[in-house]
Protein backbone atom coordinates (compact mmCIF):
# COMPACT_ATOMS: atom_id res chain seq x y z
CA UNK A 1 35.05 123.52 -70.25
CA UNK A 2 36.02 124.63 -66.74
CA UNK A 3 32.68 123.54 -65.29
CA UNK A 4 32.76 120.24 -67.17
CA UNK A 5 36.24 119.43 -65.89
CA UNK A 6 35.28 120.45 -62.35
CA UNK A 7 32.29 118.12 -62.27
CA UNK A 8 34.19 115.28 -63.94
CA UNK A 9 36.96 115.64 -61.35
CA UNK A 10 34.45 115.50 -58.49
CA UNK A 11 32.79 112.45 -59.99
CA UNK A 12 36.16 110.71 -60.41
CA UNK A 13 37.01 111.33 -56.76
CA UNK A 14 33.55 110.22 -55.66
CA UNK A 15 33.92 106.96 -57.56
CA UNK A 16 36.97 106.17 -55.42
CA UNK A 17 35.06 107.05 -52.26
CA UNK A 18 32.34 104.57 -53.14
CA UNK A 19 34.86 101.93 -54.22
CA UNK A 20 36.53 101.94 -50.83
CA UNK A 21 33.55 102.70 -48.58
CA UNK A 22 32.26 99.14 -48.12
CA UNK A 23 35.65 97.43 -48.43
CA UNK A 24 38.87 97.29 -46.45
CA UNK A 25 41.23 100.27 -46.38
CA UNK A 26 44.26 101.46 -44.44
CA UNK A 27 43.82 104.30 -41.95
CA UNK A 28 46.73 106.50 -40.82
CA UNK A 29 47.05 109.50 -38.53
CA UNK A 30 48.26 112.95 -39.43
CA UNK A 31 48.94 115.38 -36.56
CA UNK A 32 46.67 115.01 -33.53
CA UNK A 33 44.79 111.98 -32.26
CA UNK A 34 41.93 111.73 -34.74
CA UNK A 35 43.11 113.69 -37.78
CA UNK A 36 42.86 110.69 -40.05
CA UNK A 37 43.83 109.96 -43.63
CA UNK A 38 42.83 106.80 -45.47
CA UNK A 39 43.80 104.99 -48.64
CA UNK A 40 40.59 106.36 -50.11
CA UNK A 41 41.70 109.98 -49.52
CA UNK A 42 44.84 109.35 -51.57
CA UNK A 43 42.97 107.41 -54.28
CA UNK A 44 40.30 110.10 -54.57
CA UNK A 45 42.89 112.88 -54.77
CA UNK A 46 44.87 110.99 -57.42
CA UNK A 47 41.73 110.52 -59.55
CA UNK A 48 40.77 114.20 -59.17
CA UNK A 49 44.24 115.41 -60.09
CA UNK A 50 44.35 113.15 -63.13
CA UNK A 51 41.21 114.76 -64.55
CA UNK A 52 42.30 118.32 -63.80
CA UNK A 53 45.87 117.99 -65.00
CA UNK A 54 44.81 116.28 -68.21
CA UNK A 55 42.69 119.29 -69.08
CA UNK A 56 44.71 122.07 -67.44
CA UNK A 57 48.31 120.96 -66.87
CA UNK A 58 49.50 124.51 -66.18
CA UNK A 59 46.93 125.40 -63.48
CA UNK A 60 47.92 125.73 -59.84
CA UNK A 61 46.82 123.04 -57.38
CA UNK A 62 46.33 123.16 -53.61
CA UNK A 63 45.27 119.73 -52.35
CA UNK A 64 44.81 118.55 -48.77
CA UNK A 65 46.96 115.44 -49.03
CA UNK A 66 49.66 116.37 -51.56
CA UNK A 67 49.86 120.08 -50.76
CA UNK A 68 50.66 122.87 -53.22
CA UNK A 69 51.63 122.08 -56.81
CA UNK A 70 53.19 125.42 -57.64
CA UNK A 71 52.56 126.94 -61.05
CA UNK A 72 52.46 130.55 -62.18
CA UNK A 73 48.90 130.64 -63.45
CA UNK A 74 45.84 132.74 -62.64
CA UNK A 75 43.74 129.64 -61.89
CA UNK A 76 44.12 127.53 -58.74
CA UNK A 77 42.18 124.35 -57.90
CA UNK A 78 41.63 123.84 -54.16
CA UNK A 79 40.86 120.21 -53.40
CA UNK A 80 39.61 118.16 -50.48
CA UNK A 81 39.38 114.57 -51.78
CA UNK A 82 37.24 113.49 -48.81
CA UNK A 83 35.81 116.19 -46.59
CA UNK A 84 34.69 114.22 -43.56
CA UNK A 85 37.42 111.60 -43.43
CA UNK A 86 36.63 110.56 -39.85
CA UNK A 87 33.04 109.90 -40.93
CA UNK A 88 34.32 107.91 -43.89
CA UNK A 89 36.68 105.87 -41.71
CA UNK A 90 33.72 104.94 -39.48
CA UNK A 91 31.53 104.24 -42.54
CA UNK A 92 29.24 107.18 -41.85
CA UNK A 93 27.92 108.34 -45.26
CA UNK A 94 28.33 112.05 -44.55
CA UNK A 95 31.45 112.90 -46.52
CA UNK A 96 32.09 114.52 -49.85
CA UNK A 97 34.52 115.61 -52.52
CA UNK A 98 35.01 119.38 -52.33
CA UNK A 99 36.74 121.39 -55.06
CA UNK A 100 36.93 125.16 -55.43
CA UNK A 101 38.51 127.13 -58.26
CA UNK A 102 40.21 130.46 -57.71
CA UNK A 103 40.95 132.99 -60.43
CA UNK A 104 43.47 135.63 -59.40
CA UNK A 105 42.75 134.92 -55.74
CA UNK A 106 38.93 134.95 -55.96
CA UNK A 107 36.86 131.78 -55.73
CA UNK A 108 34.76 131.67 -58.90
CA UNK A 109 33.43 128.12 -59.04
CA UNK A 110 32.94 125.18 -56.72
CA UNK A 111 31.48 121.72 -56.40
CA UNK A 112 30.69 119.55 -53.38
CA UNK A 113 29.58 116.01 -54.14
CA UNK A 114 28.30 113.49 -51.59
CA UNK A 115 27.97 110.31 -53.67
CA UNK A 116 26.37 108.31 -50.85
CA UNK A 117 23.11 110.23 -51.29
CA UNK A 118 23.86 111.50 -54.81
CA UNK A 119 23.82 115.19 -53.91
CA UNK A 120 25.99 117.34 -56.17
CA UNK A 121 26.14 121.01 -55.22
CA UNK A 122 27.55 123.45 -57.76
CA UNK A 123 28.06 127.22 -57.68
CA UNK A 124 29.53 129.76 -60.06
CA UNK A 125 30.29 133.37 -59.21
CA UNK A 126 27.37 135.53 -60.29
CA UNK A 127 25.38 132.57 -61.64
CA UNK A 128 23.79 131.07 -58.50
CA UNK A 129 24.01 127.83 -56.55
CA UNK A 130 22.46 124.51 -57.49
CA UNK A 131 21.73 121.07 -56.08
CA UNK A 132 21.50 118.43 -58.80
CA UNK A 133 20.90 121.24 -61.32
CA UNK A 134 18.05 122.83 -59.32
CA UNK A 135 18.52 126.34 -57.95
CA UNK A 136 18.84 126.61 -54.16
CA UNK A 137 18.39 129.49 -51.71
CA UNK A 138 19.19 130.07 -48.06
CA UNK A 139 16.45 130.00 -45.42
CA UNK A 140 14.27 132.94 -44.42
CA UNK A 141 14.58 132.62 -40.62
CA UNK A 142 15.01 136.06 -39.04
CA UNK A 143 15.68 135.20 -35.38
CA UNK A 144 18.75 133.38 -34.12
CA UNK A 145 16.83 131.94 -31.18
CA UNK A 146 14.61 130.10 -33.70
CA UNK A 147 17.48 128.98 -35.91
CA UNK A 148 18.86 125.50 -36.53
CA UNK A 149 22.65 125.78 -36.57
CA UNK A 150 25.57 123.50 -37.37
CA UNK A 151 29.18 123.61 -36.22
CA UNK A 152 32.41 121.66 -36.12
CA UNK A 153 35.18 121.18 -33.61
CA UNK A 154 38.94 121.14 -34.30
CA UNK A 155 41.05 118.03 -33.73
CA UNK A 156 43.02 119.83 -31.01
CA UNK A 157 41.30 121.81 -28.27
CA UNK A 158 41.43 125.58 -28.72
CA UNK A 159 41.88 127.12 -25.27
CA UNK A 160 40.97 130.74 -25.91
CA UNK A 161 38.20 133.19 -25.03
CA UNK A 162 35.10 132.47 -27.12
CA UNK A 163 36.53 129.09 -28.09
CA UNK A 164 34.45 126.35 -29.73
CA UNK A 165 32.96 124.94 -26.53
CA UNK A 166 32.20 128.39 -25.10
CA UNK A 167 30.28 129.42 -28.21
CA UNK A 168 28.53 126.07 -28.51
CA UNK A 169 27.38 126.34 -24.88
CA UNK A 170 25.90 129.82 -25.39
CA UNK A 171 23.57 128.52 -28.06
CA UNK A 172 22.56 125.18 -26.54
CA UNK A 173 21.95 126.70 -23.09
CA UNK A 174 19.28 128.84 -24.76
CA UNK A 175 17.73 125.81 -26.45
CA UNK A 176 19.07 126.54 -29.95
CA UNK A 177 19.62 123.26 -31.83
CA UNK A 178 23.25 122.98 -32.92
CA UNK A 179 24.16 119.98 -35.05
CA UNK A 180 27.62 118.54 -35.75
CA UNK A 181 27.83 116.58 -39.03
CA UNK A 182 31.59 116.16 -39.39
CA UNK A 183 31.98 117.75 -42.84
CA UNK A 184 32.36 121.51 -43.19
CA UNK A 185 31.74 121.35 -46.95
CA UNK A 186 28.40 119.62 -46.40
CA UNK A 187 27.57 122.00 -43.53
CA UNK A 188 28.05 124.98 -45.84
CA UNK A 189 26.05 123.42 -48.65
CA UNK A 190 23.19 122.66 -46.29
CA UNK A 191 23.17 126.32 -45.22
CA UNK A 192 23.03 127.23 -48.91
CA UNK A 193 20.11 124.84 -49.40
CA UNK A 194 18.18 126.30 -46.45
CA UNK A 195 18.44 123.18 -44.29
CA UNK A 196 20.52 125.01 -41.70
CA UNK A 197 20.24 128.71 -40.89
CA UNK A 198 23.88 129.17 -39.92
CA UNK A 199 27.27 127.51 -39.54
CA UNK A 200 30.29 128.49 -37.47
CA UNK A 201 33.69 126.92 -37.02
CA UNK A 202 36.94 128.12 -35.48
CA UNK A 203 39.60 126.34 -37.54
CA UNK A 204 39.10 125.57 -41.20
CA UNK A 205 41.60 125.13 -44.02
CA UNK A 206 41.18 126.48 -47.59
CA UNK A 207 40.10 123.09 -48.96
CA UNK A 208 37.39 122.88 -46.28
CA UNK A 209 35.75 126.17 -47.14
CA UNK A 210 36.53 127.23 -50.73
CA UNK A 211 33.63 125.55 -52.53
CA UNK A 212 31.12 125.76 -49.68
CA UNK A 213 31.71 129.46 -49.08
CA UNK A 214 30.81 130.26 -52.67
CA UNK A 215 27.77 127.98 -52.40
CA UNK A 216 26.37 130.04 -49.50
CA UNK A 217 27.12 133.37 -51.15
CA UNK A 218 25.54 132.38 -54.45
CA UNK A 219 22.46 131.06 -52.63
CA UNK A 220 21.92 134.51 -51.11
CA UNK A 221 23.69 134.00 -47.78
CA UNK A 222 26.50 135.75 -45.95
CA UNK A 223 30.00 134.48 -45.14
CA UNK A 224 32.42 136.37 -42.87
CA UNK A 225 35.01 135.72 -40.22
CA UNK A 226 33.83 135.66 -36.59
CA UNK A 227 34.10 139.44 -36.33
CA UNK A 228 31.69 139.91 -39.21
CA UNK A 229 34.49 141.05 -41.51
CA UNK A 230 35.37 139.91 -45.02
CA UNK A 231 36.29 136.22 -45.01
CA UNK A 232 39.35 134.74 -46.69
CA UNK A 233 39.65 130.99 -47.17
CA UNK A 234 43.24 131.36 -45.94
CA UNK A 235 42.12 132.36 -42.44
CA UNK A 236 40.64 129.84 -40.03
CA UNK A 237 37.43 131.13 -38.37
CA UNK A 238 34.30 131.16 -40.52
CA UNK A 239 30.68 132.19 -39.98
CA UNK A 240 28.06 131.50 -42.65
CA UNK A 241 24.36 132.22 -42.43
CA UNK A 242 21.23 133.09 -44.33
CA UNK A 243 22.17 136.74 -43.80
CA UNK A 244 19.09 137.60 -41.74
CA UNK A 245 20.56 136.34 -38.46
CA UNK A 246 24.21 137.08 -39.20
CA UNK A 247 24.61 140.12 -36.96
CA UNK A 248 23.04 138.25 -34.06
CA UNK A 249 25.35 135.29 -34.55
CA UNK A 250 28.43 137.55 -34.61
CA UNK A 251 27.32 139.04 -31.29
CA UNK A 252 26.76 135.67 -29.62
CA UNK A 253 30.06 134.25 -30.89
CA UNK A 254 31.94 137.26 -29.49
CA UNK A 255 29.86 137.34 -26.29
CA UNK A 256 28.70 140.91 -26.91
CA UNK A 257 24.99 140.04 -26.99
CA UNK A 258 22.67 137.34 -25.73
CA UNK A 259 19.88 135.49 -27.45
């Protein structure tokens, strides 16, 4: 029942994404210059919440646009109605619905659905990760210098040692391909599927990482913070990889080793 509701909720949100994608929609700003929110974000979130609350009216909700819907329940649904809103606003079809489910503080199930290319990623704790019902695994690359990586940049510049541009430069100066897709949920799923060997970002929110983190872990990968320590979706820096190159990536990010 939980899985069925999760997938139905993602499909309901995705239907709104497709409905708005080729039409006209209002675009507003949140904080920062390009932290956008569109009519479609609100419509997608409303459709997702309708499905979830019809089935589980007493479950907790944490949604990007409407915030926390406080309930005293062991289950919490963590929702990004459109991960990749800037892409969506520019009609770039790299965006997705992302929904994770926590039970007593642990993410146990997640879905990321990009309806533009009909890719639905699903993971359940202890049961594996899947793309359109087919099992997926992380890549087998063992050297960071040979890896294909993906990253993201925050809406406001982070002026700190080992900041996003510093880390990005360390990789690209050595010839390591580093892509930037504009959707952390898709980035994580593509690591899980073995398309990328690793992903790092300095400032993510719970709705960005909840589902994708589980996807990587269930596909055999590793997810930590930038120090290589246990990751919580409620902290900002994230590093995900196939596991084989993880220690190398931690060293490069912290400038304690070179490629």
